[in-house]
N, C-alpha and C. Protein backbone atom coordinates (compact mmCIF):
# COMPACT_ATOMS: atom_id res chain seq x y z
N MET A 1 72.57 -0.19 -87.83
CA MET A 1 73.69 -0.88 -87.80
C MET A 1 73.00 -1.46 -86.40
N SER A 2 73.48 -2.03 -85.84
CA SER A 2 72.96 -3.06 -84.33
C SER A 2 74.38 -3.90 -84.17
N LEU A 3 73.68 -4.31 -82.50
CA LEU A 3 74.04 -4.80 -81.76
C LEU A 3 73.27 -6.39 -81.18
N THR A 4 74.16 -6.95 -81.08
CA THR A 4 73.39 -8.71 -80.76
C THR A 4 74.20 -8.57 -78.97
N PHE A 5 73.85 -9.41 -78.30
CA PHE A 5 74.78 -9.69 -77.21
C PHE A 5 75.14 -10.65 -77.99
N GLN A 6 76.35 -11.48 -77.24
CA GLN A 6 77.34 -12.08 -77.57
C GLN A 6 77.84 -13.06 -76.25
N SER A 7 78.37 -12.12 -75.64
CA SER A 7 78.66 -13.08 -74.58
C SER A 7 78.69 -12.41 -72.67
N THR A 8 78.87 -12.94 -71.93
CA THR A 8 79.48 -12.73 -70.73
C THR A 8 80.60 -12.71 -70.08
N ALA A 9 81.31 -12.42 -69.82
CA ALA A 9 82.76 -12.61 -69.53
C ALA A 9 83.43 -12.70 -68.23
N VAL A 10 84.11 -14.37 -67.36
CA VAL A 10 84.38 -13.76 -66.62
C VAL A 10 85.93 -14.12 -66.26
N ASP A 11 86.87 -13.24 -65.44
CA ASP A 11 87.46 -14.08 -64.80
C ASP A 11 87.83 -14.73 -63.92
N CYS A 12 88.74 -15.10 -64.34
CA CYS A 12 88.68 -16.24 -63.21
C CYS A 12 91.07 -15.71 -63.00
N ASN A 13 91.36 -16.53 -61.88
CA ASN A 13 92.51 -16.83 -62.00
C ASN A 13 93.23 -18.25 -62.49
N ASP A 14 92.03 -19.18 -62.26
CA ASP A 14 92.08 -20.62 -63.71
C ASP A 14 90.84 -20.56 -63.91
N ALA A 15 90.53 -20.58 -64.97
CA ALA A 15 89.60 -20.29 -65.89
C ALA A 15 88.97 -21.44 -66.04
N LYS A 16 89.71 -22.91 -66.27
CA LYS A 16 89.08 -24.23 -66.43
C LYS A 16 88.53 -24.23 -65.13
N ARG A 17 89.18 -24.87 -64.07
CA ARG A 17 88.36 -24.92 -62.70
C ARG A 17 87.36 -24.19 -62.12
N VAL A 18 87.48 -22.87 -63.13
CA VAL A 18 85.73 -21.89 -62.86
C VAL A 18 84.77 -22.00 -63.62
N GLY A 19 85.34 -22.60 -64.68
CA GLY A 19 84.70 -22.98 -65.77
C GLY A 19 84.23 -24.19 -66.30
N GLU A 20 84.57 -25.53 -64.85
CA GLU A 20 83.99 -26.53 -64.36
C GLU A 20 82.80 -26.64 -63.82
N PHE A 21 82.89 -25.42 -63.04
CA PHE A 21 82.08 -25.68 -61.67
C PHE A 21 80.95 -24.72 -62.59
N TRP A 22 81.38 -23.92 -64.07
CA TRP A 22 79.70 -23.34 -64.17
C TRP A 22 79.00 -24.12 -65.09
N ALA A 23 79.60 -25.42 -65.36
CA ALA A 23 79.82 -26.42 -66.81
C ALA A 23 78.41 -27.23 -65.72
N ALA A 24 79.27 -27.73 -64.55
CA ALA A 24 78.71 -28.56 -63.46
C ALA A 24 76.98 -27.97 -63.34
N LEU A 25 77.15 -27.14 -62.84
CA LEU A 25 76.16 -25.88 -62.42
C LEU A 25 74.96 -25.95 -62.86
N LEU A 26 75.12 -25.50 -64.10
CA LEU A 26 74.25 -25.32 -65.56
C LEU A 26 74.14 -26.57 -66.55
N ASP A 27 74.91 -28.21 -66.39
CA ASP A 27 74.49 -28.89 -66.73
C ASP A 27 74.85 -28.73 -68.29
N ARG A 28 76.08 -28.08 -68.14
CA ARG A 28 76.17 -27.53 -70.31
C ARG A 28 77.35 -28.19 -70.53
N PRO A 29 78.11 -28.78 -71.43
CA PRO A 29 79.83 -28.63 -71.34
C PRO A 29 80.68 -27.40 -71.71
N LEU A 30 81.75 -27.88 -71.28
CA LEU A 30 82.35 -26.24 -71.24
C LEU A 30 82.98 -26.99 -72.10
N GLU A 31 83.19 -26.23 -73.12
CA GLU A 31 84.33 -26.15 -74.34
C GLU A 31 85.21 -24.97 -74.01
N SER A 32 87.03 -25.29 -75.12
CA SER A 32 87.98 -25.01 -75.71
C SER A 32 88.52 -24.54 -76.66
N GLU A 33 89.79 -23.56 -76.56
CA GLU A 33 90.96 -23.94 -77.96
C GLU A 33 91.77 -24.86 -76.62
N PRO A 34 91.97 -25.58 -78.22
CA PRO A 34 93.08 -26.17 -77.30
C PRO A 34 94.59 -25.63 -77.62
N GLU A 35 94.74 -24.68 -78.48
CA GLU A 35 95.90 -24.20 -78.63
C GLU A 35 95.97 -22.86 -77.27
N ASP A 36 94.53 -22.42 -76.61
CA ASP A 36 94.87 -21.16 -75.80
C ASP A 36 93.48 -21.93 -74.08
N PRO A 37 94.77 -22.20 -73.86
CA PRO A 37 94.40 -23.22 -72.30
C PRO A 37 93.30 -21.73 -71.59
N SER A 38 94.26 -20.58 -71.53
CA SER A 38 93.28 -19.15 -70.61
C SER A 38 92.25 -19.08 -71.21
N VAL A 39 91.37 -20.00 -72.29
CA VAL A 39 89.85 -19.21 -72.67
C VAL A 39 88.84 -20.55 -72.96
N TYR A 40 87.63 -20.81 -71.52
CA TYR A 40 87.27 -21.69 -71.70
C TYR A 40 85.50 -21.34 -72.16
N TRP A 41 84.82 -21.76 -72.26
CA TRP A 41 83.53 -20.53 -73.01
C TRP A 41 82.02 -22.22 -72.13
N ILE A 42 80.86 -21.83 -72.45
CA ILE A 42 79.86 -22.47 -72.25
C ILE A 42 78.83 -21.71 -73.02
N ASP A 43 79.14 -23.05 -74.40
CA ASP A 43 77.62 -22.34 -75.11
C ASP A 43 76.19 -22.14 -74.80
N PHE A 44 75.51 -21.54 -75.11
CA PHE A 44 74.04 -21.35 -75.17
C PHE A 44 73.00 -21.44 -76.30
N GLY A 45 73.53 -22.19 -77.36
CA GLY A 45 73.25 -22.54 -78.66
C GLY A 45 73.54 -22.07 -80.07
N PRO A 46 72.42 -21.92 -81.12
CA PRO A 46 72.60 -20.74 -81.90
C PRO A 46 72.86 -19.84 -81.99
N GLU A 47 72.19 -18.61 -81.13
CA GLU A 47 71.92 -17.11 -81.15
C GLU A 47 73.96 -17.05 -81.15
N GLY A 48 74.46 -17.42 -80.06
CA GLY A 48 76.14 -17.21 -80.31
C GLY A 48 76.39 -16.80 -79.06
N ARG A 49 75.22 -16.45 -77.83
CA ARG A 49 75.79 -16.10 -76.47
C ARG A 49 76.18 -17.75 -75.86
N ASP A 50 76.70 -17.12 -75.13
CA ASP A 50 77.82 -18.23 -73.75
C ASP A 50 78.22 -17.59 -72.64
N LEU A 51 78.68 -17.96 -71.82
CA LEU A 51 79.36 -17.66 -70.57
C LEU A 51 81.15 -17.99 -70.94
N MET A 52 81.94 -16.69 -71.11
CA MET A 52 82.96 -16.81 -71.34
C MET A 52 84.27 -16.99 -69.97
N PHE A 53 85.64 -17.45 -69.72
CA PHE A 53 85.42 -17.38 -68.62
C PHE A 53 87.52 -17.36 -68.94
N LEU A 54 88.11 -16.29 -68.30
CA LEU A 54 89.23 -15.71 -69.21
C LEU A 54 89.85 -16.24 -67.98
N THR A 55 91.18 -16.55 -67.70
CA THR A 55 92.68 -16.55 -67.06
C THR A 55 93.12 -14.70 -67.10
N VAL A 56 93.43 -14.72 -65.75
CA VAL A 56 93.99 -13.11 -65.82
C VAL A 56 94.41 -13.00 -64.46
N PRO A 57 95.64 -11.95 -64.59
CA PRO A 57 96.80 -13.24 -62.45
C PRO A 57 96.15 -11.57 -62.17
N GLU A 58 95.58 -11.03 -62.51
CA GLU A 58 94.83 -10.32 -60.28
C GLU A 58 93.30 -11.18 -59.91
N ALA A 59 94.03 -10.98 -58.91
CA ALA A 59 92.88 -11.75 -58.07
C ALA A 59 91.63 -11.29 -57.62
N LYS A 60 91.01 -11.28 -57.62
CA LYS A 60 89.46 -10.87 -57.04
C LYS A 60 89.17 -10.18 -55.61
N GLN A 61 89.03 -8.70 -55.70
CA GLN A 61 89.24 -7.95 -55.13
C GLN A 61 88.08 -7.77 -54.05
N VAL A 62 86.57 -7.23 -55.33
CA VAL A 62 86.06 -6.67 -54.55
C VAL A 62 84.92 -6.99 -54.95
N LYS A 63 82.99 -7.20 -54.25
CA LYS A 63 82.26 -7.83 -55.02
C LYS A 63 82.05 -7.18 -56.73
N ASN A 64 81.76 -8.23 -56.87
CA ASN A 64 80.79 -7.90 -59.05
C ASN A 64 80.29 -6.83 -58.76
N ARG A 65 80.45 -6.04 -59.89
CA ARG A 65 79.37 -4.85 -60.32
C ARG A 65 78.72 -6.21 -60.86
N LEU A 66 78.77 -6.50 -61.07
CA LEU A 66 77.76 -7.22 -63.10
C LEU A 66 77.84 -8.60 -62.31
N HIS A 67 76.73 -9.29 -62.16
CA HIS A 67 76.47 -10.64 -61.79
C HIS A 67 75.35 -11.52 -61.80
N ILE A 68 74.79 -12.41 -62.42
CA ILE A 68 74.62 -13.71 -62.81
C ILE A 68 73.26 -13.79 -61.91
N ASP A 69 72.29 -14.35 -62.31
CA ASP A 69 71.08 -13.89 -61.26
C ASP A 69 70.05 -15.80 -62.57
N LEU A 70 70.44 -16.68 -61.83
CA LEU A 70 69.81 -17.96 -62.35
C LEU A 70 68.73 -17.99 -61.77
N ARG A 71 67.11 -18.77 -61.84
CA ARG A 71 65.73 -19.27 -61.96
C ARG A 71 65.49 -19.83 -61.58
N PRO A 72 65.80 -21.28 -60.55
CA PRO A 72 65.30 -21.78 -60.77
C PRO A 72 64.24 -22.62 -60.70
N ASP A 73 63.25 -23.95 -60.74
CA ASP A 73 62.34 -25.30 -60.17
C ASP A 73 62.62 -24.68 -59.01
N ASP A 74 63.22 -25.23 -57.99
CA ASP A 74 63.22 -25.74 -56.69
C ASP A 74 64.64 -24.93 -56.25
N GLN A 75 64.21 -24.07 -55.86
CA GLN A 75 65.43 -23.00 -54.98
C GLN A 75 65.75 -23.81 -53.93
N GLU A 76 65.70 -24.13 -53.30
CA GLU A 76 66.13 -25.11 -52.06
C GLU A 76 67.83 -26.31 -52.92
N ALA A 77 66.81 -26.87 -53.60
CA ALA A 77 67.49 -28.30 -54.22
C ALA A 77 68.68 -27.43 -55.26
N GLU A 78 68.27 -26.08 -55.82
CA GLU A 78 69.86 -26.32 -56.36
C GLU A 78 70.44 -25.57 -55.63
N VAL A 79 70.42 -24.43 -54.53
CA VAL A 79 71.41 -23.55 -53.35
C VAL A 79 72.06 -25.22 -52.92
N ARG A 80 71.55 -26.23 -52.37
CA ARG A 80 72.35 -27.26 -51.96
C ARG A 80 72.91 -27.41 -52.88
N ARG A 81 72.74 -27.45 -54.59
CA ARG A 81 73.23 -28.59 -55.30
C ARG A 81 74.58 -27.22 -55.61
N ALA A 82 75.28 -26.19 -55.39
CA ALA A 82 76.17 -25.25 -55.55
C ALA A 82 77.29 -25.52 -54.85
N LEU A 83 76.06 -25.70 -53.57
CA LEU A 83 76.84 -25.87 -52.73
C LEU A 83 78.02 -26.83 -52.85
N SER A 84 77.85 -28.31 -53.10
CA SER A 84 78.14 -29.37 -52.92
C SER A 84 79.84 -28.93 -54.47
N LEU A 85 78.51 -28.54 -55.33
CA LEU A 85 79.81 -28.13 -56.39
C LEU A 85 80.97 -27.68 -56.30
N GLY A 86 81.06 -26.91 -54.90
CA GLY A 86 82.20 -25.32 -54.32
C GLY A 86 81.66 -23.97 -54.66
N ALA A 87 80.58 -24.06 -54.44
CA ALA A 87 79.82 -22.66 -53.92
C ALA A 87 79.56 -22.59 -52.88
N ARG A 88 79.67 -21.22 -51.96
CA ARG A 88 80.17 -20.43 -51.23
C ARG A 88 78.74 -20.08 -50.31
N HIS A 89 78.08 -19.07 -49.06
CA HIS A 89 77.28 -18.76 -48.87
C HIS A 89 77.91 -17.89 -48.94
N VAL A 90 77.64 -16.17 -49.67
CA VAL A 90 78.60 -15.53 -48.94
C VAL A 90 77.51 -14.21 -48.80
N ASP A 91 77.54 -12.95 -48.10
CA ASP A 91 76.84 -11.49 -48.04
C ASP A 91 77.78 -10.08 -48.08
N ILE A 92 76.24 -9.89 -48.63
CA ILE A 92 77.34 -8.76 -49.75
C ILE A 92 76.88 -7.66 -49.42
N GLY A 93 75.34 -7.48 -47.77
CA GLY A 93 74.66 -6.49 -47.06
C GLY A 93 73.70 -6.68 -47.74
N GLN A 94 73.15 -8.13 -48.38
CA GLN A 94 72.02 -8.55 -49.05
C GLN A 94 70.05 -8.34 -48.36
N GLY A 95 70.60 -8.37 -46.53
CA GLY A 95 70.02 -8.78 -45.63
C GLY A 95 68.75 -10.16 -45.77
N GLU A 96 67.51 -10.36 -45.50
CA GLU A 96 66.84 -11.11 -45.46
C GLU A 96 66.11 -11.23 -46.39
N GLN A 97 65.99 -11.98 -47.91
CA GLN A 97 65.61 -11.47 -49.54
C GLN A 97 64.84 -12.56 -49.54
N THR A 98 64.94 -13.18 -51.09
CA THR A 98 63.50 -14.12 -51.13
C THR A 98 64.84 -14.96 -52.41
N TRP A 99 65.82 -14.07 -52.57
CA TRP A 99 67.49 -14.93 -53.48
C TRP A 99 68.64 -14.77 -52.55
N VAL A 100 68.92 -16.30 -52.84
CA VAL A 100 70.29 -16.06 -52.21
C VAL A 100 71.45 -16.19 -52.61
N VAL A 101 72.10 -15.36 -52.41
CA VAL A 101 73.52 -15.19 -53.01
C VAL A 101 74.90 -16.28 -52.62
N LEU A 102 75.50 -16.60 -53.82
CA LEU A 102 76.59 -17.26 -53.34
C LEU A 102 78.02 -16.74 -54.18
N ALA A 103 78.95 -17.51 -53.96
CA ALA A 103 80.13 -16.99 -54.93
C ALA A 103 80.40 -18.19 -55.43
N ASP A 104 81.33 -18.85 -56.77
CA ASP A 104 81.82 -18.92 -57.38
C ASP A 104 83.22 -19.85 -56.56
N ARG A 105 84.07 -20.60 -57.25
CA ARG A 105 85.05 -21.26 -56.40
C ARG A 105 86.38 -19.88 -56.33
N GLU A 106 86.25 -18.84 -56.97
CA GLU A 106 87.15 -17.85 -56.89
C GLU A 106 86.19 -16.30 -56.55
N GLY A 107 85.34 -16.80 -55.91
CA GLY A 107 84.73 -15.46 -55.25
C GLY A 107 83.78 -14.60 -56.28
N ASN A 108 82.98 -15.46 -57.84
CA ASN A 108 82.60 -14.77 -57.89
C ASN A 108 80.87 -14.79 -57.98
N GLU A 109 80.57 -13.79 -57.44
CA GLU A 109 78.91 -13.80 -56.78
C GLU A 109 77.96 -14.03 -57.89
N PHE A 110 76.90 -15.17 -57.44
CA PHE A 110 76.04 -14.83 -58.07
C PHE A 110 74.41 -15.34 -57.22
N CYS A 111 73.36 -14.75 -57.33
CA CYS A 111 72.27 -15.30 -56.76
C CYS A 111 71.45 -16.44 -57.30
N ILE A 112 70.69 -17.77 -56.70
CA ILE A 112 69.65 -17.99 -57.53
C ILE A 112 68.43 -17.57 -57.01
N LEU A 113 67.76 -16.80 -57.78
CA LEU A 113 66.62 -16.89 -56.66
C LEU A 113 64.86 -17.58 -56.73
N ARG A 114 63.71 -16.73 -56.50
CA ARG A 114 63.05 -18.04 -56.08
C ARG A 114 62.21 -18.56 -57.42
N SER A 115 61.53 -20.26 -56.64
CA SER A 115 61.20 -20.24 -58.08
C SER A 115 60.47 -19.84 -58.45
N LEU A 116 59.37 -19.42 -59.44
CA LEU A 116 58.74 -18.23 -59.96
C LEU A 116 57.36 -19.39 -59.42
N ARG A 117 56.03 -18.92 -59.21
CA ARG A 117 54.74 -19.20 -58.99
C ARG A 117 54.57 -19.95 -60.18
N PRO A 118 53.12 -20.45 -60.91
CA PRO A 118 53.13 -21.16 -61.62
C PRO A 118 52.54 -19.89 -62.41
N ASP A 119 51.53 -18.86 -61.92
CA ASP A 119 50.97 -18.14 -62.37
C ASP A 119 52.00 -16.66 -62.98
N GLU A 120 52.84 -16.78 -62.21
CA GLU A 120 54.59 -15.84 -63.45
C GLU A 120 55.50 -16.32 -64.53
N ALA A 121 54.63 -17.86 -64.66
CA ALA A 121 56.13 -18.81 -65.51
C ALA A 121 55.32 -18.09 -66.83
């Protein structure tokens, strides 16, 4: 018996709106089932891993216990781009760090990490 990682699910009040933000940020298409407008996803290739956006009735209330970390080529440029797409800076008590904590259109936190040095890549 074995397990394979399939997807990360993000609960949203408006799955399409949040999914559109992430699709733009990750430069990938947003997909959906035409008969179910409450589920959207971004497919990351043939291995089947995806990022799902599910419509739920309740609003986000506290800091996420699980979040997405993104590794950029240029941290400053990607933070600016995320902000232009509707992200916002959030303070979850992180203090001064090498990563930047942002939130998507519904307040789901994510981090844009520092760029890797050539010797780390």
